[in-house]
Amino acid sequence: MVNEKSEESSQQNSQSKESELSIGEILCRPAEEFTNDPTIEIAWMSTAIRHMEAYYKLITSIKNSDVIRLTQNDDHIYEEFRKQFPDLKIESLTEEMIKSNEAKEQWREFCMKMKDKMEDFNFATLMRLNSHSDYKEENTIVVPRAQFLAIEIARNREGHNSDLPPIQE
């Protein structure tokens, strides 16, 4: 009986190591080989919507948005953002300003600098294009969390989130 349990445990450990190897091998495969898992997409959407609602409630309930702190590293994020994007007009963005090939390269560089300064720096996050409007389909884009935080910290500090309509319940 003891030998059977020991043998069973040994088999489970061996299978676990094989699974870990398989996962490691899978993660090295090209992204094109993967399909979207609906359960993961639903979980992401649920998290993104909760975050969006909480953030919008925060910025519409505090009149002086320049006092809002989104992370413990807001000062550093803002300084690095404005160093890398000194002329970016964050009040009203376009998808082209965010997703063009040139912009993607600049943002990728910025996001990689921020990976140790924030949790989940590359988590897909919903962001408003126009800072004077709420979250609507035509005013919302999906960006990495580092990009969302950099732009929204700047919008708060530069006074672009001060005239928003409250949430319609």
N, C-alpha and C. Protein backbone atom coordinates (compact mmCIF):
# COMPACT_ATOMS: atom_id res chain seq x y z
N MET A 1 0.83 -1.20 0.00
CA MET A 1 0.00 0.00 0.00
C MET A 1 0.87 1.26 0.00
N VAL A 2 1.89 1.28 0.86
CA VAL A 2 2.78 2.43 0.94
C VAL A 2 3.53 2.58 -0.38
N ASN A 3 4.00 1.44 -0.93
CA ASN A 3 4.72 1.50 -2.20
C ASN A 3 3.83 2.00 -3.32
N GLU A 4 2.54 1.60 -3.31
CA GLU A 4 1.60 2.06 -4.33
C GLU A 4 1.45 3.58 -4.27
N LYS A 5 1.28 4.12 -3.04
CA LYS A 5 1.14 5.57 -2.88
C LYS A 5 2.41 6.29 -3.32
N SER A 6 3.55 5.73 -2.96
CA SER A 6 4.81 6.34 -3.33
C SER A 6 4.98 6.34 -4.85
N GLU A 7 4.61 5.20 -5.46
CA GLU A 7 4.69 5.09 -6.92
C GLU A 7 3.73 6.08 -7.59
N GLU A 8 2.50 6.17 -7.03
CA GLU A 8 1.49 7.09 -7.57
C GLU A 8 1.97 8.54 -7.46
N SER A 9 2.55 8.89 -6.31
CA SER A 9 3.08 10.23 -6.10
C SER A 9 4.21 10.52 -7.08
N SER A 10 5.07 9.54 -7.30
CA SER A 10 6.17 9.70 -8.23
C SER A 10 5.66 9.93 -9.65
N GLN A 11 4.60 9.19 -10.03
CA GLN A 11 4.01 9.37 -11.36
C GLN A 11 3.41 10.77 -11.50
N GLN A 12 2.72 11.24 -10.44
CA GLN A 12 2.12 12.57 -10.48
C GLN A 12 3.20 13.64 -10.62
N ASN A 13 4.31 13.49 -9.88
CA ASN A 13 5.41 14.45 -9.99
C ASN A 13 5.99 14.45 -11.40
N SER A 14 6.13 13.26 -11.96
CA SER A 14 6.66 13.14 -13.32
C SER A 14 5.72 13.80 -14.32
N GLN A 15 4.40 13.56 -14.16
CA GLN A 15 3.42 14.17 -15.05
C GLN A 15 3.42 15.69 -14.88
N SER A 16 3.56 16.15 -13.64
CA SER A 16 3.59 17.58 -13.37
C SER A 16 4.78 18.23 -14.07
N LYS A 17 5.95 17.57 -13.99
CA LYS A 17 7.14 18.11 -14.66
C LYS A 17 6.95 18.13 -16.17
N GLU A 18 6.30 17.07 -16.70
CA GLU A 18 6.02 17.05 -18.14
C GLU A 18 5.08 18.19 -18.51
N SER A 19 4.07 18.45 -17.66
CA SER A 19 3.14 19.54 -17.92
C SER A 19 3.86 20.88 -17.91
N GLU A 20 4.75 21.06 -16.93
CA GLU A 20 5.51 22.31 -16.86
C GLU A 20 6.36 22.49 -18.11
N LEU A 21 6.99 21.40 -18.53
CA LEU A 21 7.77 21.47 -19.76
C LEU A 21 6.88 21.82 -20.94
N SER A 22 5.73 21.19 -21.00
CA SER A 22 4.80 21.45 -22.09
C SER A 22 4.38 22.91 -22.10
N ILE A 23 4.09 23.46 -20.93
CA ILE A 23 3.68 24.86 -20.84
C ILE A 23 4.82 25.76 -21.30
N GLY A 24 6.03 25.45 -20.86
CA GLY A 24 7.19 26.23 -21.29
C GLY A 24 7.38 26.17 -22.80
N GLU A 25 7.22 24.98 -23.35
CA GLU A 25 7.33 24.83 -24.80
C GLU A 25 6.22 25.59 -25.51
N ILE A 26 5.03 25.53 -24.96
CA ILE A 26 3.89 26.22 -25.56
C ILE A 26 4.14 27.72 -25.59
N LEU A 27 4.67 28.26 -24.50
CA LEU A 27 4.90 29.70 -24.43
C LEU A 27 5.95 30.17 -25.43
N CYS A 28 6.76 29.25 -25.92
CA CYS A 28 7.77 29.61 -26.92
C CYS A 28 7.24 29.54 -28.35
N ARG A 29 6.03 29.06 -28.51
CA ARG A 29 5.44 28.93 -29.85
C ARG A 29 5.04 30.30 -30.38
N PRO A 30 4.98 30.47 -31.71
CA PRO A 30 4.54 31.75 -32.29
C PRO A 30 3.10 32.07 -31.92
N ALA A 31 2.81 33.33 -31.70
CA ALA A 31 1.47 33.77 -31.27
C ALA A 31 0.40 33.38 -32.28
N GLU A 32 0.75 33.30 -33.57
CA GLU A 32 -0.24 32.98 -34.61
C GLU A 32 -0.86 31.60 -34.42
N GLU A 33 -0.18 30.73 -33.67
CA GLU A 33 -0.68 29.38 -33.47
C GLU A 33 -1.79 29.31 -32.42
N PHE A 34 -2.02 30.37 -31.71
CA PHE A 34 -3.01 30.36 -30.64
C PHE A 34 -4.34 30.93 -31.11
N THR A 35 -5.41 30.40 -30.56
CA THR A 35 -6.73 30.96 -30.82
C THR A 35 -7.23 31.60 -29.54
N ASN A 36 -8.21 32.46 -29.66
CA ASN A 36 -8.76 33.13 -28.48
C ASN A 36 -9.67 32.19 -27.71
N ASP A 37 -9.46 32.13 -26.43
CA ASP A 37 -10.28 31.31 -25.55
C ASP A 37 -11.41 32.19 -25.03
N PRO A 38 -12.67 31.86 -25.35
CA PRO A 38 -13.80 32.71 -24.94
C PRO A 38 -13.88 32.93 -23.43
N THR A 39 -13.50 31.94 -22.63
CA THR A 39 -13.58 32.13 -21.17
C THR A 39 -12.56 33.16 -20.70
N ILE A 40 -11.40 33.16 -21.32
CA ILE A 40 -10.38 34.15 -20.95
C ILE A 40 -10.83 35.54 -21.40
N GLU A 41 -11.40 35.62 -22.59
CA GLU A 41 -11.88 36.91 -23.09
C GLU A 41 -12.99 37.47 -22.19
N ILE A 42 -13.90 36.61 -21.74
CA ILE A 42 -14.99 37.06 -20.86
C ILE A 42 -14.41 37.53 -19.52
N ALA A 43 -13.45 36.79 -18.99
CA ALA A 43 -12.83 37.18 -17.71
C ALA A 43 -12.12 38.52 -17.87
N TRP A 44 -11.38 38.70 -18.99
CA TRP A 44 -10.72 39.98 -19.23
C TRP A 44 -11.74 41.10 -19.34
N MET A 45 -12.81 40.87 -20.11
CA MET A 45 -13.81 41.92 -20.32
C MET A 45 -14.45 42.32 -18.99
N SER A 46 -14.75 41.35 -18.16
CA SER A 46 -15.34 41.64 -16.86
C SER A 46 -14.39 42.49 -16.01
N THR A 47 -13.13 42.13 -15.97
CA THR A 47 -12.13 42.89 -15.21
C THR A 47 -11.97 44.29 -15.79
N ALA A 48 -11.88 44.39 -17.11
CA ALA A 48 -11.69 45.69 -17.77
C ALA A 48 -12.88 46.62 -17.51
N ILE A 49 -14.08 46.08 -17.54
CA ILE A 49 -15.27 46.90 -17.30
C ILE A 49 -15.33 47.37 -15.85
N ARG A 50 -15.02 46.48 -14.91
CA ARG A 50 -14.99 46.89 -13.49
C ARG A 50 -13.97 48.01 -13.28
N HIS A 51 -12.80 47.86 -13.87
CA HIS A 51 -11.75 48.88 -13.76
C HIS A 51 -12.22 50.19 -14.37
N MET A 52 -12.82 50.12 -15.56
CA MET A 52 -13.30 51.31 -16.26
C MET A 52 -14.34 52.05 -15.40
N GLU A 53 -15.29 51.32 -14.85
CA GLU A 53 -16.34 51.94 -14.02
C GLU A 53 -15.75 52.57 -12.76
N ALA A 54 -14.84 51.86 -12.11
CA ALA A 54 -14.23 52.39 -10.89
C ALA A 54 -13.41 53.65 -11.19
N TYR A 55 -12.65 53.63 -12.27
CA TYR A 55 -11.83 54.79 -12.61
C TYR A 55 -12.70 55.98 -12.98
N TYR A 56 -13.74 55.75 -13.76
CA TYR A 56 -14.59 56.87 -14.17
C TYR A 56 -15.32 57.46 -12.95
N LYS A 57 -15.75 56.59 -12.06
CA LYS A 57 -16.40 57.08 -10.83
C LYS A 57 -15.42 57.94 -10.02
N LEU A 58 -14.17 57.52 -9.95
CA LEU A 58 -13.14 58.27 -9.23
C LEU A 58 -12.93 59.65 -9.84
N ILE A 59 -12.73 59.72 -11.15
CA ILE A 59 -12.41 61.02 -11.76
C ILE A 59 -13.61 61.94 -11.86
N THR A 60 -14.82 61.40 -11.77
CA THR A 60 -16.00 62.28 -11.79
C THR A 60 -16.43 62.69 -10.39
N SER A 61 -15.92 62.03 -9.37
CA SER A 61 -16.32 62.39 -8.01
C SER A 61 -15.34 63.34 -7.33
N ILE A 62 -14.15 63.49 -7.88
CA ILE A 62 -13.15 64.40 -7.31
C ILE A 62 -12.96 65.56 -8.27
N LYS A 63 -13.31 66.75 -7.82
CA LYS A 63 -13.26 67.93 -8.70
C LYS A 63 -11.85 68.31 -9.13
N ASN A 64 -10.90 68.25 -8.22
CA ASN A 64 -9.51 68.59 -8.56
C ASN A 64 -8.77 67.30 -8.91
N SER A 65 -8.84 66.92 -10.17
CA SER A 65 -8.25 65.64 -10.57
C SER A 65 -6.73 65.61 -10.42
N ASP A 66 -6.10 66.77 -10.26
CA ASP A 66 -4.64 66.78 -10.12
C ASP A 66 -4.17 66.18 -8.80
N VAL A 67 -5.08 65.94 -7.85
CA VAL A 67 -4.69 65.32 -6.58
C VAL A 67 -4.83 63.80 -6.61
N ILE A 68 -5.42 63.27 -7.66
CA ILE A 68 -5.63 61.82 -7.77
C ILE A 68 -4.29 61.12 -8.00
N ARG A 69 -4.07 60.07 -7.22
CA ARG A 69 -2.87 59.24 -7.41
C ARG A 69 -3.35 57.85 -7.82
N LEU A 70 -2.83 57.37 -8.95
CA LEU A 70 -3.24 56.07 -9.46
C LEU A 70 -2.27 54.96 -9.06
N THR A 71 -1.01 55.32 -8.80
CA THR A 71 -0.01 54.35 -8.35
C THR A 71 0.92 55.06 -7.37
N GLN A 72 1.75 54.29 -6.71
CA GLN A 72 2.75 54.91 -5.83
C GLN A 72 3.89 55.53 -6.64
N ASN A 73 3.92 55.25 -7.94
CA ASN A 73 4.99 55.78 -8.80
C ASN A 73 4.49 56.82 -9.79
N ASP A 74 3.40 57.50 -9.50
CA ASP A 74 2.83 58.49 -10.42
C ASP A 74 3.85 59.54 -10.87
N ASP A 75 4.65 60.05 -9.94
CA ASP A 75 5.61 61.09 -10.29
C ASP A 75 6.60 60.59 -11.34
N HIS A 76 7.14 59.42 -11.10
CA HIS A 76 8.11 58.83 -12.03
C HIS A 76 7.45 58.54 -13.39
N ILE A 77 6.27 57.96 -13.37
CA ILE A 77 5.56 57.63 -14.61
C ILE A 77 5.31 58.90 -15.42
N TYR A 78 4.84 59.95 -14.74
CA TYR A 78 4.55 61.21 -15.43
C TYR A 78 5.82 61.82 -16.03
N GLU A 79 6.90 61.85 -15.24
CA GLU A 79 8.16 62.42 -15.73
C GLU A 79 8.68 61.67 -16.96
N GLU A 80 8.67 60.34 -16.88
CA GLU A 80 9.14 59.54 -18.01
C GLU A 80 8.24 59.70 -19.23
N PHE A 81 6.93 59.76 -18.99
CA PHE A 81 5.97 59.94 -20.08
C PHE A 81 6.23 61.25 -20.81
N ARG A 82 6.34 62.35 -20.06
CA ARG A 82 6.53 63.65 -20.69
C ARG A 82 7.94 63.80 -21.28
N LYS A 83 8.90 63.04 -20.76
CA LYS A 83 10.23 63.04 -21.35
C LYS A 83 10.19 62.38 -22.75
N GLN A 84 9.47 61.27 -22.82
CA GLN A 84 9.40 60.53 -24.08
C GLN A 84 8.36 61.09 -25.05
N PHE A 85 7.29 61.69 -24.51
CA PHE A 85 6.20 62.22 -25.35
C PHE A 85 5.92 63.68 -24.98
N PRO A 86 6.89 64.58 -25.14
CA PRO A 86 6.72 65.96 -24.67
C PRO A 86 5.61 66.72 -25.38
N ASP A 87 5.34 66.39 -26.63
CA ASP A 87 4.37 67.16 -27.41
C ASP A 87 3.06 66.42 -27.65
N LEU A 88 2.88 65.26 -27.05
CA LEU A 88 1.65 64.50 -27.28
C LEU A 88 0.46 65.23 -26.67
N LYS A 89 -0.52 65.54 -27.49
CA LYS A 89 -1.74 66.22 -27.05
C LYS A 89 -2.70 65.17 -26.50
N ILE A 90 -2.70 65.04 -25.19
CA ILE A 90 -3.46 63.97 -24.54
C ILE A 90 -4.92 64.30 -24.33
N GLU A 91 -5.28 65.55 -24.51
CA GLU A 91 -6.66 65.97 -24.31
C GLU A 91 -7.60 65.20 -25.23
N SER A 92 -7.21 65.08 -26.49
CA SER A 92 -8.02 64.36 -27.46
C SER A 92 -7.09 63.57 -28.37
N LEU A 93 -7.12 62.26 -28.23
CA LEU A 93 -6.25 61.38 -28.99
C LEU A 93 -7.03 60.73 -30.14
N THR A 94 -6.30 60.21 -31.10
CA THR A 94 -6.90 59.41 -32.17
C THR A 94 -6.27 58.03 -32.12
N GLU A 95 -6.94 57.08 -32.73
CA GLU A 95 -6.39 55.73 -32.77
C GLU A 95 -5.03 55.73 -33.48
N GLU A 96 -4.90 56.54 -34.51
CA GLU A 96 -3.64 56.65 -35.26
C GLU A 96 -2.50 57.11 -34.34
N MET A 97 -2.78 58.04 -33.43
CA MET A 97 -1.75 58.54 -32.51
C MET A 97 -1.27 57.45 -31.56
N ILE A 98 -2.11 56.46 -31.34
CA ILE A 98 -1.81 55.39 -30.40
C ILE A 98 -1.30 54.13 -31.10
N LYS A 99 -1.87 53.83 -32.26
CA LYS A 99 -1.65 52.52 -32.87
C LYS A 99 -0.89 52.52 -34.19
N SER A 100 -0.43 53.66 -34.66
CA SER A 100 0.39 53.65 -35.89
C SER A 100 1.67 52.87 -35.60
N ASN A 101 2.35 52.42 -36.63
CA ASN A 101 3.59 51.65 -36.43
C ASN A 101 4.62 52.45 -35.65
N GLU A 102 4.77 53.72 -35.98
CA GLU A 102 5.73 54.58 -35.28
C GLU A 102 5.34 54.74 -33.80
N ALA A 103 4.05 54.99 -33.57
CA ALA A 103 3.57 55.15 -32.19
C ALA A 103 3.73 53.86 -31.40
N LYS A 104 3.41 52.73 -32.02
CA LYS A 104 3.54 51.45 -31.32
C LYS A 104 4.97 51.22 -30.85
N GLU A 105 5.92 51.55 -31.69
CA GLU A 105 7.33 51.36 -31.33
C GLU A 105 7.71 52.25 -30.14
N GLN A 106 7.28 53.51 -30.17
CA GLN A 106 7.57 54.42 -29.05
C GLN A 106 6.88 53.94 -27.78
N TRP A 107 5.63 53.51 -27.89
CA TRP A 107 4.90 53.05 -26.72
C TRP A 107 5.48 51.74 -26.17
N ARG A 108 5.91 50.86 -27.06
CA ARG A 108 6.52 49.60 -26.61
C ARG A 108 7.75 49.91 -25.76
N GLU A 109 8.58 50.82 -26.24
CA GLU A 109 9.78 51.23 -25.49
C GLU A 109 9.39 51.81 -24.13
N PHE A 110 8.39 52.68 -24.11
CA PHE A 110 7.94 53.29 -22.86
C PHE A 110 7.41 52.21 -21.90
N CYS A 111 6.55 51.35 -22.41
CA CYS A 111 5.94 50.32 -21.57
C CYS A 111 6.99 49.40 -20.95
N MET A 112 8.00 49.05 -21.72
CA MET A 112 9.05 48.19 -21.18
C MET A 112 9.83 48.89 -20.06
N LYS A 113 9.99 50.19 -20.16
CA LYS A 113 10.65 50.94 -19.07
C LYS A 113 9.80 50.92 -17.80
N MET A 114 8.49 50.81 -17.97
CA MET A 114 7.57 50.90 -16.84
C MET A 114 7.23 49.56 -16.21
N LYS A 115 7.70 48.47 -16.80
CA LYS A 115 7.27 47.15 -16.33
C LYS A 115 7.57 46.89 -14.86
N ASP A 116 8.61 47.49 -14.32
CA ASP A 116 8.93 47.30 -12.90
C ASP A 116 8.33 48.38 -12.01
N LYS A 117 7.65 49.34 -12.61
CA LYS A 117 7.09 50.46 -11.86
C LYS A 117 5.59 50.30 -11.61
N MET A 118 4.99 49.28 -12.20
CA MET A 118 3.55 49.09 -12.03
C MET A 118 3.19 47.62 -12.19
N GLU A 119 2.15 47.25 -11.50
CA GLU A 119 1.64 45.89 -11.58
C GLU A 119 0.89 45.72 -12.90
N ASP A 120 1.04 44.56 -13.51
CA ASP A 120 0.31 44.23 -14.74
C ASP A 120 0.47 45.31 -15.81
N PHE A 121 1.71 45.72 -16.06
CA PHE A 121 1.97 46.84 -16.97
C PHE A 121 1.42 46.62 -18.38
N ASN A 122 1.26 45.37 -18.79
CA ASN A 122 0.79 45.12 -20.15
C ASN A 122 -0.64 44.58 -20.22
N PHE A 123 -1.37 44.66 -19.11
CA PHE A 123 -2.76 44.19 -19.08
C PHE A 123 -3.61 45.09 -19.97
N ALA A 124 -4.39 44.50 -20.85
CA ALA A 124 -5.25 45.27 -21.76
C ALA A 124 -6.27 46.07 -20.95
N THR A 125 -6.30 47.38 -21.18
CA THR A 125 -7.11 48.31 -20.40
C THR A 125 -7.90 49.23 -21.33
N LEU A 126 -9.12 49.56 -20.94
CA LEU A 126 -9.97 50.46 -21.73
C LEU A 126 -9.62 51.91 -21.41
N MET A 127 -9.37 52.70 -22.45
CA MET A 127 -9.02 54.10 -22.27
C MET A 127 -9.88 54.98 -23.18
N ARG A 128 -10.26 56.16 -22.65
CA ARG A 128 -11.01 57.14 -23.44
C ARG A 128 -10.07 57.88 -24.37
N LEU A 129 -10.48 58.10 -25.60
CA LEU A 129 -9.67 58.87 -26.54
C LEU A 129 -9.78 60.36 -26.24
N ASN A 130 -10.99 60.84 -26.03
CA ASN A 130 -11.23 62.25 -25.73
C ASN A 130 -11.44 62.39 -24.22
N SER A 131 -10.61 63.17 -23.59
CA SER A 131 -10.67 63.29 -22.13
C SER A 131 -11.90 64.03 -21.63
N HIS A 132 -12.63 64.71 -22.52
CA HIS A 132 -13.82 65.45 -22.10
C HIS A 132 -15.11 64.67 -22.28
N SER A 133 -14.98 63.41 -22.62
CA SER A 133 -16.15 62.57 -22.85
C SER A 133 -16.03 61.29 -22.02
N ASP A 134 -17.17 60.66 -21.80
CA ASP A 134 -17.15 59.44 -21.01
C ASP A 134 -16.81 58.23 -21.90
N TYR A 135 -16.89 57.05 -21.29
CA TYR A 135 -16.61 55.82 -22.02
C TYR A 135 -17.82 55.49 -22.90
N LYS A 136 -17.64 55.61 -24.20
CA LYS A 136 -18.62 55.20 -25.20
C LYS A 136 -17.83 54.38 -26.21
N GLU A 137 -18.53 53.58 -26.98
CA GLU A 137 -17.82 52.73 -27.95
C GLU A 137 -16.90 53.54 -28.86
N GLU A 138 -17.39 54.66 -29.38
CA GLU A 138 -16.60 55.46 -30.32
C GLU A 138 -15.48 56.26 -29.64
N ASN A 139 -15.48 56.29 -28.30
CA ASN A 139 -14.47 57.05 -27.56
C ASN A 139 -13.55 56.14 -26.74
N THR A 140 -13.59 54.85 -27.01
CA THR A 140 -12.84 53.91 -26.19
C THR A 140 -11.91 53.06 -27.04
N ILE A 141 -10.73 52.84 -26.52
CA ILE A 141 -9.71 52.04 -27.20
C ILE A 141 -9.05 51.13 -26.16
N VAL A 142 -8.55 49.99 -26.59
CA VAL A 142 -7.85 49.07 -25.70
C VAL A 142 -6.35 49.34 -25.82
N VAL A 143 -5.72 49.58 -24.67
CA VAL A 143 -4.28 49.86 -24.63
C VAL A 143 -3.65 49.08 -23.47
N PRO A 144 -2.33 48.92 -23.47
CA PRO A 144 -1.67 48.32 -22.30
C PRO A 144 -1.85 49.22 -21.07
N ARG A 145 -1.89 48.61 -19.92
CA ARG A 145 -2.11 49.36 -18.68
C ARG A 145 -1.07 50.48 -18.49
N ALA A 146 0.17 50.25 -18.87
CA ALA A 146 1.21 51.29 -18.73
C ALA A 146 0.85 52.52 -19.55
N GLN A 147 0.31 52.33 -20.71
CA GLN A 147 -0.08 53.44 -21.57
C GLN A 147 -1.28 54.18 -20.97
N PHE A 148 -2.26 53.41 -20.50
CA PHE A 148 -3.42 54.01 -19.84
C PHE A 148 -2.98 54.87 -18.65
N LEU A 149 -2.15 54.30 -17.79
CA LEU A 149 -1.72 55.04 -16.59
C LEU A 149 -0.94 56.30 -16.95
N ALA A 150 -0.03 56.20 -17.90
CA ALA A 150 0.76 57.38 -18.28
C ALA A 150 -0.14 58.50 -18.79
N ILE A 151 -1.07 58.16 -19.67
CA ILE A 151 -1.95 59.18 -20.25
C ILE A 151 -2.91 59.72 -19.21
N GLU A 152 -3.50 58.86 -18.40
CA GLU A 152 -4.48 59.34 -17.41
C GLU A 152 -3.82 60.10 -16.26
N ILE A 153 -2.62 59.71 -15.86
CA ILE A 153 -1.90 60.49 -14.84
C ILE A 153 -1.64 61.89 -15.40
N ALA A 154 -1.20 61.96 -16.65
CA ALA A 154 -0.96 63.26 -17.29
C ALA A 154 -2.25 64.06 -17.42
N ARG A 155 -3.33 63.42 -17.82
CA ARG A 155 -4.61 64.12 -17.94
C ARG A 155 -5.05 64.68 -16.60
N ASN A 156 -4.89 63.91 -15.55
CA ASN A 156 -5.26 64.39 -14.22
C ASN A 156 -4.39 65.58 -13.81
N ARG A 157 -3.10 65.47 -13.98
CA ARG A 157 -2.18 66.54 -13.57
C ARG A 157 -2.33 67.80 -14.41
N GLU A 158 -2.69 67.63 -15.66
CA GLU A 158 -2.79 68.78 -16.57
C GLU A 158 -4.21 69.32 -16.68
N GLY A 159 -5.12 68.80 -15.84
CA GLY A 159 -6.47 69.35 -15.75
C GLY A 159 -7.45 68.95 -16.84
N HIS A 160 -7.18 67.87 -17.55
CA HIS A 160 -8.07 67.47 -18.64
C HIS A 160 -9.23 66.59 -18.19
N ASN A 161 -9.26 66.17 -16.95
CA ASN A 161 -10.35 65.32 -16.45
C ASN A 161 -11.26 66.07 -15.48
N SER A 162 -11.32 67.38 -15.59
CA SER A 162 -12.07 68.15 -14.59
C SER A 162 -13.50 68.50 -14.98
N ASP A 163 -13.89 68.29 -16.22
CA ASP A 163 -15.24 68.70 -16.64
C ASP A 163 -16.08 67.54 -17.18
N LEU A 164 -15.94 66.39 -16.56
CA LEU A 164 -16.61 65.20 -17.07
C LEU A 164 -18.05 65.08 -16.58
N PRO A 165 -18.93 64.54 -17.43
CA PRO A 165 -20.30 64.29 -16.98
C PRO A 165 -20.30 63.12 -15.99
N PRO A 166 -21.16 63.18 -14.97
CA PRO A 166 -21.22 62.07 -14.01
C PRO A 166 -21.78 60.81 -14.66
N ILE A 167 -21.58 59.70 -14.00
CA ILE A 167 -22.09 58.42 -14.48
C ILE A 167 -23.61 58.45 -14.49
N GLN A 168 -24.19 58.00 -15.59
CA GLN A 168 -25.65 57.89 -15.70
C GLN A 168 -26.06 56.52 -15.17
N GLU A 169 -26.80 56.50 -14.10
CA GLU A 169 -27.22 55.23 -13.48
C GLU A 169 -28.53 54.77 -14.07
